[in-house]
């Protein structure tokens, strides 16, 4: 299952119901902000180079 950030609440709710957890209480799920340590340009470039196929296949955008 691919879970996208913009549908995180809906997708996790569906996943919990499929796992038999009916009352997961997922009214709002918000991802944590990206830590500043991960905003290093060299690190971002290295990750994109190493996982280019994933970036293309799953539509990853650069970090905000």
PDB file of N, CA and C in Angstrom:
ATOM      1  N   UNK A   1       0.849  -1.178   0.000  1.00  0.00           N
ATOM      2  CA  UNK A   1       0.000   0.000   0.000  1.00  0.00           C
ATOM      3  C   UNK A   1       0.890   1.235   0.000  1.00  0.00           C
ATOM      4  N   UNK A   2       0.603   2.150  -0.873  1.00  0.00           N
ATOM      5  CA  UNK A   2       1.309   3.428  -0.893  1.00  0.00           C
ATOM      6  C   UNK A   2       0.433   4.426  -0.144  1.00  0.00           C
ATOM      7  N   UNK A   3       1.009   5.058   0.860  1.00  0.00           N
ATOM      8  CA  UNK A   3       0.299   6.062   1.650  1.00  0.00           C
ATOM      9  C   UNK A   3       0.897   7.414   1.316  1.00  0.00           C
ATOM     10  N   UNK A   4       0.073   8.301   0.830  1.00  0.00           N
ATOM     11  CA  UNK A   4       0.544   9.637   0.452  1.00  0.00           C
ATOM     12  C   UNK A   4       0.209  10.640   1.556  1.00  0.00           C
ATOM     13  N   UNK A   5       1.084  11.621   1.692  1.00  0.00           N
ATOM     14  CA  UNK A   5       0.934  12.604   2.764  1.00  0.00           C
ATOM     15  C   UNK A   5      -0.410  13.324   2.697  1.00  0.00           C
ATOM     16  N   UNK A   6      -0.858  13.690   1.510  1.00  0.00           N
ATOM     17  CA  UNK A   6      -2.103  14.443   1.397  1.00  0.00           C
ATOM     18  C   UNK A   6      -3.342  13.598   1.700  1.00  0.00           C
ATOM     19  N   UNK A   7      -3.183  12.275   1.781  1.00  0.00           N
ATOM     20  CA  UNK A   7      -4.293  11.378   2.120  1.00  0.00           C
ATOM     21  C   UNK A   7      -3.967  10.525   3.345  1.00  0.00           C
ATOM     22  N   UNK A   8      -3.057  10.993   4.164  1.00  0.00           N
ATOM     23  CA  UNK A   8      -2.553  10.205   5.284  1.00  0.00           C
ATOM     24  C   UNK A   8      -3.673   9.738   6.218  1.00  0.00           C
ATOM     25  N   UNK A   9      -4.555  10.636   6.626  1.00  0.00           N
ATOM     26  CA  UNK A   9      -5.630  10.265   7.545  1.00  0.00           C
ATOM     27  C   UNK A   9      -6.536   9.206   6.943  1.00  0.00           C
ATOM     28  N   UNK A  10      -6.959   9.417   5.691  1.00  0.00           N
ATOM     29  CA  UNK A  10      -7.869   8.460   5.046  1.00  0.00           C
ATOM     30  C   UNK A  10      -7.203   7.107   4.832  1.00  0.00           C
ATOM     31  N   UNK A  11      -5.947   7.121   4.367  1.00  0.00           N
ATOM     32  CA  UNK A  11      -5.266   5.859   4.084  1.00  0.00           C
ATOM     33  C   UNK A  11      -4.982   5.063   5.361  1.00  0.00           C
ATOM     34  N   UNK A  12      -4.575   5.750   6.431  1.00  0.00           N
ATOM     35  CA  UNK A  12      -4.322   5.035   7.691  1.00  0.00           C
ATOM     36  C   UNK A  12      -5.623   4.526   8.303  1.00  0.00           C
ATOM     37  N   UNK A  13      -6.713   5.271   8.130  1.00  0.00           N
ATOM     38  CA  UNK A  13      -8.015   4.801   8.604  1.00  0.00           C
ATOM     39  C   UNK A  13      -8.400   3.521   7.861  1.00  0.00           C
ATOM     40  N   UNK A  14      -8.226   3.510   6.542  1.00  0.00           N
ATOM     41  CA  UNK A  14      -8.528   2.318   5.733  1.00  0.00           C
ATOM     42  C   UNK A  14      -7.650   1.138   6.172  1.00  0.00           C
ATOM     43  N   UNK A  15      -6.364   1.392   6.365  1.00  0.00           N
ATOM     44  CA  UNK A  15      -5.440   0.344   6.781  1.00  0.00           C
ATOM     45  C   UNK A  15      -5.835  -0.238   8.137  1.00  0.00           C
ATOM     46  N   UNK A  16      -6.237   0.641   9.088  1.00  0.00           N
ATOM     47  CA  UNK A  16      -6.642   0.129  10.399  1.00  0.00           C
ATOM     48  C   UNK A  16      -7.898  -0.725  10.301  1.00  0.00           C
ATOM     49  N   UNK A  17      -8.870  -0.284   9.482  1.00  0.00           N
ATOM     50  CA  UNK A  17     -10.081  -1.099   9.323  1.00  0.00           C
ATOM     51  C   UNK A  17      -9.755  -2.444   8.692  1.00  0.00           C
ATOM     52  N   UNK A  18      -8.846  -2.473   7.713  1.00  0.00           N
ATOM     53  CA  UNK A  18      -8.461  -3.732   7.077  1.00  0.00           C
ATOM     54  C   UNK A  18      -7.755  -4.658   8.069  1.00  0.00           C
ATOM     55  N   UNK A  19      -7.097  -4.068   9.083  1.00  0.00           N
ATOM     56  CA  UNK A  19      -6.405  -4.864  10.099  1.00  0.00           C
ATOM     57  C   UNK A  19      -7.334  -5.231  11.256  1.00  0.00           C
ATOM     58  N   UNK A  20      -8.616  -4.828  11.150  1.00  0.00           N
ATOM     59  CA  UNK A  20      -9.583  -5.174  12.184  1.00  0.00           C
ATOM     60  C   UNK A  20      -9.609  -4.208  13.350  1.00  0.00           C
ATOM     61  N   UNK A  21      -9.050  -3.027  13.185  1.00  0.00           N
ATOM     62  CA  UNK A  21      -9.058  -2.016  14.254  1.00  0.00           C
ATOM     63  C   UNK A  21     -10.085  -0.966  13.841  1.00  0.00           C
ATOM     64  N   UNK A  22     -11.300  -1.106  14.376  1.00  0.00           N
ATOM     65  CA  UNK A  22     -12.398  -0.260  13.929  1.00  0.00           C
ATOM     66  C   UNK A  22     -12.370   1.142  14.529  1.00  0.00           C
ATOM     67  N   UNK A  23     -11.850   1.280  15.724  1.00  0.00           N
ATOM     68  CA  UNK A  23     -11.895   2.586  16.395  1.00  0.00           C
ATOM     69  C   UNK A  23     -10.486   3.147  16.622  1.00  0.00           C
ATOM     70  N   UNK A  24      -9.765   3.357  15.555  1.00  0.00           N
ATOM     71  CA  UNK A  24      -8.369   3.797  15.644  1.00  0.00           C
ATOM     72  C   UNK A  24      -8.229   5.261  16.034  1.00  0.00           C
ATOM     73  N   UNK A  25      -9.299   6.040  15.995  1.00  0.00           N
ATOM     74  CA  UNK A  25      -9.275   7.452  16.389  1.00  0.00           C
ATOM     75  C   UNK A  25      -8.245   8.254  15.595  1.00  0.00           C
ATOM     76  N   UNK A  26      -8.382   8.255  14.296  1.00  0.00           N
ATOM     77  CA  UNK A  26      -7.434   8.958  13.429  1.00  0.00           C
ATOM     78  C   UNK A  26      -8.072  10.207  12.825  1.00  0.00           C
ATOM     79  N   UNK A  27      -8.720  11.034  13.648  1.00  0.00           N
ATOM     80  CA  UNK A  27      -9.383  12.217  13.099  1.00  0.00           C
ATOM     81  C   UNK A  27      -8.419  13.079  12.288  1.00  0.00           C
ATOM     82  N   UNK A  28      -7.266  13.347  12.837  1.00  0.00           N
ATOM     83  CA  UNK A  28      -6.283  14.165  12.130  1.00  0.00           C
ATOM     84  C   UNK A  28      -4.899  13.585  12.348  1.00  0.00           C
ATOM     85  N   UNK A  29      -4.255  13.274  11.273  1.00  0.00           N
ATOM     86  CA  UNK A  29      -2.880  12.797  11.341  1.00  0.00           C
ATOM     87  C   UNK A  29      -2.045  13.787  10.551  1.00  0.00           C
ATOM     88  N   UNK A  30      -1.056  14.364  11.210  1.00  0.00           N
ATOM     89  CA  UNK A  30      -0.194  15.324  10.523  1.00  0.00           C
ATOM     90  C   UNK A  30       1.251  14.859  10.658  1.00  0.00           C
ATOM     91  N   UNK A  31       1.968  14.813   9.554  1.00  0.00           N
ATOM     92  CA  UNK A  31       3.368  14.409   9.642  1.00  0.00           C
ATOM     93  C   UNK A  31       4.189  15.458  10.386  1.00  0.00           C
ATOM     94  N   UNK A  32       5.203  14.999  11.069  1.00  0.00           N
ATOM     95  CA  UNK A  32       6.090  15.911  11.784  1.00  0.00           C
ATOM     96  C   UNK A  32       6.902  16.714  10.775  1.00  0.00           C
ATOM     97  N   UNK A  33       7.294  17.922  11.154  1.00  0.00           N
ATOM     98  CA  UNK A  33       8.132  18.697  10.227  1.00  0.00           C
ATOM     99  C   UNK A  33       9.478  18.022   9.995  1.00  0.00           C
ATOM    100  N   UNK A  34      10.072  18.315   8.869  1.00  0.00           N
ATOM    101  CA  UNK A  34      11.370  17.743   8.528  1.00  0.00           C
ATOM    102  C   UNK A  34      12.437  18.397   9.406  1.00  0.00           C
ATOM    103  N   UNK A  35      13.237  17.597  10.128  1.00  0.00           N
ATOM    104  CA  UNK A  35      14.287  18.176  10.964  1.00  0.00           C
ATOM    105  C   UNK A  35      15.291  18.964  10.121  1.00  0.00           C
ATOM    106  N   UNK A  36      15.785  20.057  10.671  1.00  0.00           N
ATOM    107  CA  UNK A  36      16.747  20.900   9.954  1.00  0.00           C
ATOM    108  C   UNK A  36      17.973  20.124   9.501  1.00  0.00           C
ATOM    109  N   UNK A  37      18.377  19.116  10.257  1.00  0.00           N
ATOM    110  CA  UNK A  37      19.569  18.336   9.904  1.00  0.00           C
ATOM    111  C   UNK A  37      19.398  17.618   8.564  1.00  0.00           C
ATOM    112  N   UNK A  38      18.150  17.369   8.168  1.00  0.00           N
ATOM    113  CA  UNK A  38      17.898  16.676   6.902  1.00  0.00           C
ATOM    114  C   UNK A  38      17.749  17.632   5.728  1.00  0.00           C
ATOM    115  N   UNK A  39      17.860  18.919   5.981  1.00  0.00           N
ATOM    116  CA  UNK A  39      17.714  19.903   4.905  1.00  0.00           C
ATOM    117  C   UNK A  39      19.039  20.249   4.235  1.00  0.00           C
ATOM    118  N   UNK A  40      20.084  19.522   4.545  1.00  0.00           N
ATOM    119  CA  UNK A  40      21.394  19.749   3.948  1.00  0.00           C
ATOM    120  C   UNK A  40      21.336  19.405   2.455  1.00  0.00           C
ATOM    121  N   UNK A  41      21.745  20.333   1.589  1.00  0.00           N
ATOM    122  CA  UNK A  41      21.641  20.134   0.136  1.00  0.00           C
ATOM    123  C   UNK A  41      22.398  18.901  -0.342  1.00  0.00           C
ATOM    124  N   UNK A  42      23.590  18.668   0.207  1.00  0.00           N
ATOM    125  CA  UNK A  42      24.372  17.501  -0.219  1.00  0.00           C
ATOM    126  C   UNK A  42      23.643  16.203   0.141  1.00  0.00           C
ATOM    127  N   UNK A  43      23.031  16.169   1.310  1.00  0.00           N
ATOM    128  CA  UNK A  43      22.283  14.983   1.738  1.00  0.00           C
ATOM    129  C   UNK A  43      21.055  14.770   0.856  1.00  0.00           C
ATOM    130  N   UNK A  44      20.344  15.841   0.550  1.00  0.00           N
ATOM    131  CA  UNK A  44      19.163  15.756  -0.309  1.00  0.00           C
ATOM    132  C   UNK A  44      19.555  15.268  -1.706  1.00  0.00           C
ATOM    133  N   UNK A  45      20.641  15.840  -2.251  1.00  0.00           N
ATOM    134  CA  UNK A  45      21.104  15.421  -3.580  1.00  0.00           C
ATOM    135  C   UNK A  45      21.532  13.954  -3.598  1.00  0.00           C
ATOM    136  N   UNK A  46      22.205  13.512  -2.534  1.00  0.00           N
ATOM    137  CA  UNK A  46      22.655  12.117  -2.454  1.00  0.00           C
ATOM    138  C   UNK A  46      21.459  11.167  -2.375  1.00  0.00           C
ATOM    139  N   UNK A  47      20.454  11.529  -1.585  1.00  0.00           N
ATOM    140  CA  UNK A  47      19.259  10.681  -1.465  1.00  0.00           C
ATOM    141  C   UNK A  47      18.524  10.605  -2.799  1.00  0.00           C
ATOM    142  N   UNK A  48      18.398  11.741  -3.472  1.00  0.00           N
ATOM    143  CA  UNK A  48      17.700  11.734  -4.758  1.00  0.00           C
ATOM    144  C   UNK A  48      18.471  10.913  -5.788  1.00  0.00           C
ATOM    145  N   UNK A  49      19.792  11.012  -5.778  1.00  0.00           N
ATOM    146  CA  UNK A  49      20.594  10.226  -6.720  1.00  0.00           C
ATOM    147  C   UNK A  49      20.467   8.731  -6.430  1.00  0.00           C
ATOM    148  N   UNK A  50      20.491   8.374  -5.158  1.00  0.00           N
ATOM    149  CA  UNK A  50      20.429   6.958  -4.777  1.00  0.00           C
ATOM    150  C   UNK A  50      19.039   6.361  -5.026  1.00  0.00           C
ATOM    151  N   UNK A  51      18.009   7.157  -4.863  1.00  0.00           N
ATOM    152  CA  UNK A  51      16.636   6.649  -4.965  1.00  0.00           C
ATOM    153  C   UNK A  51      15.864   7.307  -6.096  1.00  0.00           C
ATOM    154  N   UNK A  52      16.544   7.648  -7.186  1.00  0.00           N
ATOM    155  CA  UNK A  52      15.899   8.353  -8.295  1.00  0.00           C
ATOM    156  C   UNK A  52      14.673   7.606  -8.813  1.00  0.00           C
ATOM    157  N   UNK A  53      14.792   6.291  -8.929  1.00  0.00           N
ATOM    158  CA  UNK A  53      13.651   5.516  -9.439  1.00  0.00           C
ATOM    159  C   UNK A  53      12.431   5.703  -8.532  1.00  0.00           C
ATOM    160  N   UNK A  54      12.628   5.714  -7.211  1.00  0.00           N
ATOM    161  CA  UNK A  54      11.514   5.931  -6.287  1.00  0.00           C
ATOM    162  C   UNK A  54      10.956   7.352  -6.427  1.00  0.00           C
ATOM    163  N   UNK A  55      11.851   8.330  -6.575  1.00  0.00           N
ATOM    164  CA  UNK A  55      11.390   9.704  -6.757  1.00  0.00           C
ATOM    165  C   UNK A  55      10.483   9.796  -7.976  1.00  0.00           C
ATOM    166  N   UNK A  56      10.873   9.156  -9.067  1.00  0.00           N
ATOM    167  CA  UNK A  56      10.098   9.213 -10.312  1.00  0.00           C
ATOM    168  C   UNK A  56       8.815   8.387 -10.186  1.00  0.00           C
ATOM    169  N   UNK A  57       8.942   7.158  -9.699  1.00  0.00           N
ATOM    170  CA  UNK A  57       7.799   6.244  -9.620  1.00  0.00           C
ATOM    171  C   UNK A  57       6.725   6.747  -8.672  1.00  0.00           C
ATOM    172  N   UNK A  58       7.118   7.216  -7.489  1.00  0.00           N
ATOM    173  CA  UNK A  58       6.141   7.603  -6.476  1.00  0.00           C
ATOM    174  C   UNK A  58       5.875   9.097  -6.442  1.00  0.00           C
ATOM    175  N   UNK A  59       6.538   9.876  -7.280  1.00  0.00           N
ATOM    176  CA  UNK A  59       6.234  11.292  -7.366  1.00  0.00           C
ATOM    177  C   UNK A  59       6.732  12.114  -6.194  1.00  0.00           C
ATOM    178  N   UNK A  60       7.849  11.725  -5.590  1.00  0.00           N
ATOM    179  CA  UNK A  60       8.375  12.515  -4.477  1.00  0.00           C
ATOM    180  C   UNK A  60       8.805  13.882  -4.960  1.00  0.00           C
ATOM    181  N   UNK A  61       8.451  14.893  -4.215  1.00  0.00           N
ATOM    182  CA  UNK A  61       8.913  16.248  -4.482  1.00  0.00           C
ATOM    183  C   UNK A  61      10.060  16.562  -3.538  1.00  0.00           C
ATOM    184  N   UNK A  62      10.857  17.554  -3.880  1.00  0.00           N
ATOM    185  CA  UNK A  62      11.886  17.975  -2.913  1.00  0.00           C
ATOM    186  C   UNK A  62      11.226  18.413  -1.605  1.00  0.00           C
ATOM    187  N   UNK A  63      11.944  18.283  -0.511  1.00  0.00           N
ATOM    188  CA  UNK A  63      11.386  18.672   0.787  1.00  0.00           C
ATOM    189  C   UNK A  63      11.063  20.159   0.796  1.00  0.00           C
ATOM    190  N   UNK A  64       9.960  20.519   1.484  1.00  0.00           N
ATOM    191  CA  UNK A  64       9.594  21.950   1.566  1.00  0.00           C
ATOM    192  C   UNK A  64      10.560  22.723   2.432  1.00  0.00           C
TER     193      UNK A  64
END
